[in-house]
Amino acid sequence: MSWFRRSSEKEKLEKKYRKLLDEAYKLSHSDRKSSDLKTAEADTILKQIEALD
């Protein structure tokens, strides 16, 4: 019954990281500045994930 299991902090951050990278990729085709901002935000999340390990 894994759907009742709460997500750990790391899992939440990984999901947010993947979402930001996906948004950055989509923006890279139209708005480079916004894409760079999303990538920087994703990098911050990645550092938080690494700090948890």
PDB file of N, CA and C in Angstrom:
ATOM      1  N   MET A   1       0.828  -1.175   0.000  1.00  0.00           N
ATOM      2  CA  MET A   1       0.000   0.000   0.000  1.00  0.00           C
ATOM      3  C   MET A   1       0.884   1.254   0.000  1.00  0.00           C
ATOM      4  N   SER A   2       1.665   1.376  -0.985  1.00  0.00           N
ATOM      5  CA  SER A   2       2.613   2.483  -1.045  1.00  0.00           C
ATOM      6  C   SER A   2       1.947   3.838  -1.267  1.00  0.00           C
ATOM      7  N   TRP A   3       0.707   3.862  -1.706  1.00  0.00           N
ATOM      8  CA  TRP A   3       0.066   5.147  -1.950  1.00  0.00           C
ATOM      9  C   TRP A   3      -0.325   5.837  -0.638  1.00  0.00           C
ATOM     10  N   PHE A   4      -0.316   5.110   0.472  1.00  0.00           N
ATOM     11  CA  PHE A   4      -0.605   5.713   1.766  1.00  0.00           C
ATOM     12  C   PHE A   4       0.655   6.199   2.474  1.00  0.00           C
ATOM     13  N   ARG A   5       1.793   5.784   1.975  1.00  0.00           N
ATOM     14  CA  ARG A   5       3.059   6.157   2.591  1.00  0.00           C
ATOM     15  C   ARG A   5       3.345   7.624   2.315  1.00  0.00           C
ATOM     16  N   ARG A   6       3.763   8.333   3.341  1.00  0.00           N
ATOM     17  CA  ARG A   6       4.093   9.743   3.173  1.00  0.00           C
ATOM     18  C   ARG A   6       5.417   9.866   2.430  1.00  0.00           C
ATOM     19  N   SER A   7       5.518  10.897   1.631  1.00  0.00           N
ATOM     20  CA  SER A   7       6.758  11.151   0.908  1.00  0.00           C
ATOM     21  C   SER A   7       7.777  11.739   1.870  1.00  0.00           C
ATOM     22  N   SER A   8       9.009  11.311   1.712  1.00  0.00           N
ATOM     23  CA  SER A   8      10.063  11.881   2.536  1.00  0.00           C
ATOM     24  C   SER A   8      10.427  13.257   1.987  1.00  0.00           C
ATOM     25  N   GLU A   9      11.157  13.998   2.775  1.00  0.00           N
ATOM     26  CA  GLU A   9      11.588  15.338   2.353  1.00  0.00           C
ATOM     27  C   GLU A   9      12.423  15.241   1.073  1.00  0.00           C
ATOM     28  N   LYS A  10      13.271  14.217   1.006  1.00  0.00           N
ATOM     29  CA  LYS A  10      14.118  14.031  -0.175  1.00  0.00           C
ATOM     30  C   LYS A  10      13.272  13.761  -1.413  1.00  0.00           C
ATOM     31  N   GLU A  11      12.244  12.933  -1.280  1.00  0.00           N
ATOM     32  CA  GLU A  11      11.374  12.623  -2.418  1.00  0.00           C
ATOM     33  C   GLU A  11      10.632  13.862  -2.901  1.00  0.00           C
ATOM     34  N   LYS A  12      10.189  14.695  -1.953  1.00  0.00           N
ATOM     35  CA  LYS A  12       9.504  15.926  -2.327  1.00  0.00           C
ATOM     36  C   LYS A  12      10.444  16.854  -3.095  1.00  0.00           C
ATOM     37  N   LEU A  13      11.677  16.967  -2.595  1.00  0.00           N
ATOM     38  CA  LEU A  13      12.645  17.834  -3.261  1.00  0.00           C
ATOM     39  C   LEU A  13      13.006  17.307  -4.647  1.00  0.00           C
ATOM     40  N   GLU A  14      13.141  15.988  -4.774  1.00  0.00           N
ATOM     41  CA  GLU A  14      13.462  15.402  -6.079  1.00  0.00           C
ATOM     42  C   GLU A  14      12.341  15.657  -7.077  1.00  0.00           C
ATOM     43  N   LYS A  15      11.114  15.563  -6.615  1.00  0.00           N
ATOM     44  CA  LYS A  15       9.971  15.823  -7.500  1.00  0.00           C
ATOM     45  C   LYS A  15       9.977  17.283  -7.952  1.00  0.00           C
ATOM     46  N   LYS A  16      10.229  18.189  -7.022  1.00  0.00           N
ATOM     47  CA  LYS A  16      10.288  19.617  -7.339  1.00  0.00           C
ATOM     48  C   LYS A  16      11.447  19.906  -8.294  1.00  0.00           C
ATOM     49  N   TYR A  17      12.580  19.228  -8.079  1.00  0.00           N
ATOM     50  CA  TYR A  17      13.757  19.392  -8.937  1.00  0.00           C
ATOM     51  C   TYR A  17      13.446  18.971 -10.376  1.00  0.00           C
ATOM     52  N   ARG A  18      12.828  17.811 -10.527  1.00  0.00           N
ATOM     53  CA  ARG A  18      12.474  17.331 -11.873  1.00  0.00           C
ATOM     54  C   ARG A  18      11.489  18.270 -12.555  1.00  0.00           C
ATOM     55  N   LYS A  19      10.528  18.782 -11.791  1.00  0.00           N
ATOM     56  CA  LYS A  19       9.536  19.708 -12.344  1.00  0.00           C
ATOM     57  C   LYS A  19      10.213  20.986 -12.832  1.00  0.00           C
ATOM     58  N   LEU A  20      11.138  21.518 -12.035  1.00  0.00           N
ATOM     59  CA  LEU A  20      11.840  22.745 -12.426  1.00  0.00           C
ATOM     60  C   LEU A  20      12.685  22.526 -13.679  1.00  0.00           C
ATOM     61  N   LEU A  21      13.357  21.389 -13.758  1.00  0.00           N
ATOM     62  CA  LEU A  21      14.161  21.106 -14.952  1.00  0.00           C
ATOM     63  C   LEU A  21      13.285  20.967 -16.190  1.00  0.00           C
ATOM     64  N   ASP A  22      12.129  20.356 -16.024  1.00  0.00           N
ATOM     65  CA  ASP A  22      11.196  20.209 -17.143  1.00  0.00           C
ATOM     66  C   ASP A  22      10.714  21.583 -17.614  1.00  0.00           C
ATOM     67  N   GLU A  23      10.359  22.441 -16.658  1.00  0.00           N
ATOM     68  CA  GLU A  23       9.921  23.794 -17.012  1.00  0.00           C
ATOM     69  C   GLU A  23      11.055  24.567 -17.687  1.00  0.00           C
ATOM     70  N   ALA A  24      12.267  24.418 -17.173  1.00  0.00           N
ATOM     71  CA  ALA A  24      13.410  25.112 -17.754  1.00  0.00           C
ATOM     72  C   ALA A  24      13.635  24.661 -19.197  1.00  0.00           C
ATOM     73  N   TYR A  25      13.480  23.355 -19.437  1.00  0.00           N
ATOM     74  CA  TYR A  25      13.660  22.842 -20.792  1.00  0.00           C
ATOM     75  C   TYR A  25      12.621  23.431 -21.743  1.00  0.00           C
ATOM     76  N   LYS A  26      11.372  23.456 -21.295  1.00  0.00           N
ATOM     77  CA  LYS A  26      10.318  24.000 -22.144  1.00  0.00           C
ATOM     78  C   LYS A  26      10.523  25.488 -22.413  1.00  0.00           C
ATOM     79  N   LEU A  27      10.967  26.222 -21.390  1.00  0.00           N
ATOM     80  CA  LEU A  27      11.210  27.652 -21.565  1.00  0.00           C
ATOM     81  C   LEU A  27      12.429  27.927 -22.431  1.00  0.00           C
ATOM     82  N   SER A  28      13.353  26.998 -22.488  1.00  0.00           N
ATOM     83  CA  SER A  28      14.591  27.227 -23.242  1.00  0.00           C
ATOM     84  C   SER A  28      14.329  27.445 -24.727  1.00  0.00           C
ATOM     85  N   HIS A  29      13.180  26.994 -25.196  1.00  0.00           N
ATOM     86  CA  HIS A  29      12.843  27.172 -26.609  1.00  0.00           C
ATOM     87  C   HIS A  29      12.304  28.561 -26.920  1.00  0.00           C
ATOM     88  N   SER A  30      11.839  29.266 -25.872  1.00  0.00           N
ATOM     89  CA  SER A  30      11.212  30.555 -26.140  1.00  0.00           C
ATOM     90  C   SER A  30      11.789  31.706 -25.318  1.00  0.00           C
ATOM     91  N   ASP A  31      12.170  31.441 -24.075  1.00  0.00           N
ATOM     92  CA  ASP A  31      12.601  32.510 -23.183  1.00  0.00           C
ATOM     93  C   ASP A  31      13.834  32.061 -22.406  1.00  0.00           C
ATOM     94  N   ARG A  32      14.988  32.398 -22.924  1.00  0.00           N
ATOM     95  CA  ARG A  32      16.241  31.918 -22.349  1.00  0.00           C
ATOM     96  C   ARG A  32      16.461  32.426 -20.921  1.00  0.00           C
ATOM     97  N   LYS A  33      16.101  33.662 -20.656  1.00  0.00           N
ATOM     98  CA  LYS A  33      16.317  34.236 -19.327  1.00  0.00           C
ATOM     99  C   LYS A  33      15.507  33.485 -18.271  1.00  0.00           C
ATOM    100  N   SER A  34      14.248  33.225 -18.549  1.00  0.00           N
ATOM    101  CA  SER A  34      13.401  32.476 -17.620  1.00  0.00           C
ATOM    102  C   SER A  34      13.914  31.051 -17.448  1.00  0.00           C
ATOM    103  N   SER A  35      14.401  30.481 -18.523  1.00  0.00           N
ATOM    104  CA  SER A  35      14.966  29.144 -18.466  1.00  0.00           C
ATOM    105  C   SER A  35      16.174  29.108 -17.537  1.00  0.00           C
ATOM    106  N   ASP A  36      17.028  30.105 -17.644  1.00  0.00           N
ATOM    107  CA  ASP A  36      18.205  30.177 -16.775  1.00  0.00           C
ATOM    108  C   ASP A  36      17.809  30.340 -15.313  1.00  0.00           C
ATOM    109  N   LEU A  37      16.759  31.104 -15.050  1.00  0.00           N
ATOM    110  CA  LEU A  37      16.291  31.284 -13.677  1.00  0.00           C
ATOM    111  C   LEU A  37      15.756  29.967 -13.104  1.00  0.00           C
ATOM    112  N   LYS A  38      15.014  29.235 -13.905  1.00  0.00           N
ATOM    113  CA  LYS A  38      14.475  27.939 -13.463  1.00  0.00           C
ATOM    114  C   LYS A  38      15.612  26.950 -13.211  1.00  0.00           C
ATOM    115  N   THR A  39      16.616  26.985 -14.059  1.00  0.00           N
ATOM    116  CA  THR A  39      17.763  26.097 -13.897  1.00  0.00           C
ATOM    117  C   THR A  39      18.516  26.436 -12.612  1.00  0.00           C
ATOM    118  N   ALA A  40      18.672  27.716 -12.327  1.00  0.00           N
ATOM    119  CA  ALA A  40      19.345  28.135 -11.099  1.00  0.00           C
ATOM    120  C   ALA A  40      18.539  27.708  -9.872  1.00  0.00           C
ATOM    121  N   GLU A  41      17.227  27.821  -9.962  1.00  0.00           N
ATOM    122  CA  GLU A  41      16.367  27.390  -8.861  1.00  0.00           C
ATOM    123  C   GLU A  41      16.477  25.876  -8.661  1.00  0.00           C
ATOM    124  N   ALA A  42      16.538  25.142  -9.762  1.00  0.00           N
ATOM    125  CA  ALA A  42      16.689  23.688  -9.691  1.00  0.00           C
ATOM    126  C   ALA A  42      18.034  23.327  -9.072  1.00  0.00           C
ATOM    127  N   ASP A  43      19.064  24.096  -9.372  1.00  0.00           N
ATOM    128  CA  ASP A  43      20.389  23.850  -8.810  1.00  0.00           C
ATOM    129  C   ASP A  43      20.369  24.038  -7.287  1.00  0.00           C
ATOM    130  N   THR A  44      19.620  25.015  -6.823  1.00  0.00           N
ATOM    131  CA  THR A  44      19.477  25.241  -5.387  1.00  0.00           C
ATOM    132  C   THR A  44      18.799  24.045  -4.722  1.00  0.00           C
ATOM    133  N   ILE A  45      17.779  23.516  -5.373  1.00  0.00           N
ATOM    134  CA  ILE A  45      17.076  22.342  -4.858  1.00  0.00           C
ATOM    135  C   ILE A  45      18.019  21.139  -4.828  1.00  0.00           C
ATOM    136  N   LEU A  46      18.836  20.993  -5.866  1.00  0.00           N
ATOM    137  CA  LEU A  46      19.786  19.883  -5.919  1.00  0.00           C
ATOM    138  C   LEU A  46      20.773  19.959  -4.753  1.00  0.00           C
ATOM    139  N   LYS A  47      21.219  21.138  -4.419  1.00  0.00           N
ATOM    140  CA  LYS A  47      22.137  21.302  -3.280  1.00  0.00           C
ATOM    141  C   LYS A  47      21.456  20.913  -1.982  1.00  0.00           C
ATOM    142  N   GLN A  48      20.164  21.207  -1.856  1.00  0.00           N
ATOM    143  CA  GLN A  48      19.410  20.800  -0.663  1.00  0.00           C
ATOM    144  C   GLN A  48      19.302  19.284  -0.593  1.00  0.00           C
ATOM    145  N   ILE A  49      19.089  18.647  -1.743  1.00  0.00           N
ATOM    146  CA  ILE A  49      18.996  17.190  -1.799  1.00  0.00           C
ATOM    147  C   ILE A  49      20.324  16.569  -1.376  1.00  0.00           C
ATOM    148  N   GLU A  50      21.415  17.112  -1.897  1.00  0.00           N
ATOM    149  CA  GLU A  50      22.737  16.596  -1.558  1.00  0.00           C
ATOM    150  C   GLU A  50      23.043  16.797  -0.079  1.00  0.00           C
ATOM    151  N   ALA A  51      22.550  17.862   0.515  1.00  0.00           N
ATOM    152  CA  ALA A  51      22.779  18.124   1.931  1.00  0.00           C
ATOM    153  C   ALA A  51      22.050  17.096   2.804  1.00  0.00           C
ATOM    154  N   LEU A  52      20.943  16.547   2.307  1.00  0.00           N
ATOM    155  CA  LEU A  52      20.199  15.553   3.063  1.00  0.00           C
ATOM    156  C   LEU A  52      20.916  14.197   3.092  1.00  0.00           C
ATOM    157  N   ASP A  53      21.741  13.951   2.098  1.00  0.00           N
ATOM    158  CA  ASP A  53      22.440  12.657   2.018  1.00  0.00           C
ATOM    159  C   ASP A  53      23.577  12.553   2.964  1.00  0.00           C
TER     160      ASP A  53
END
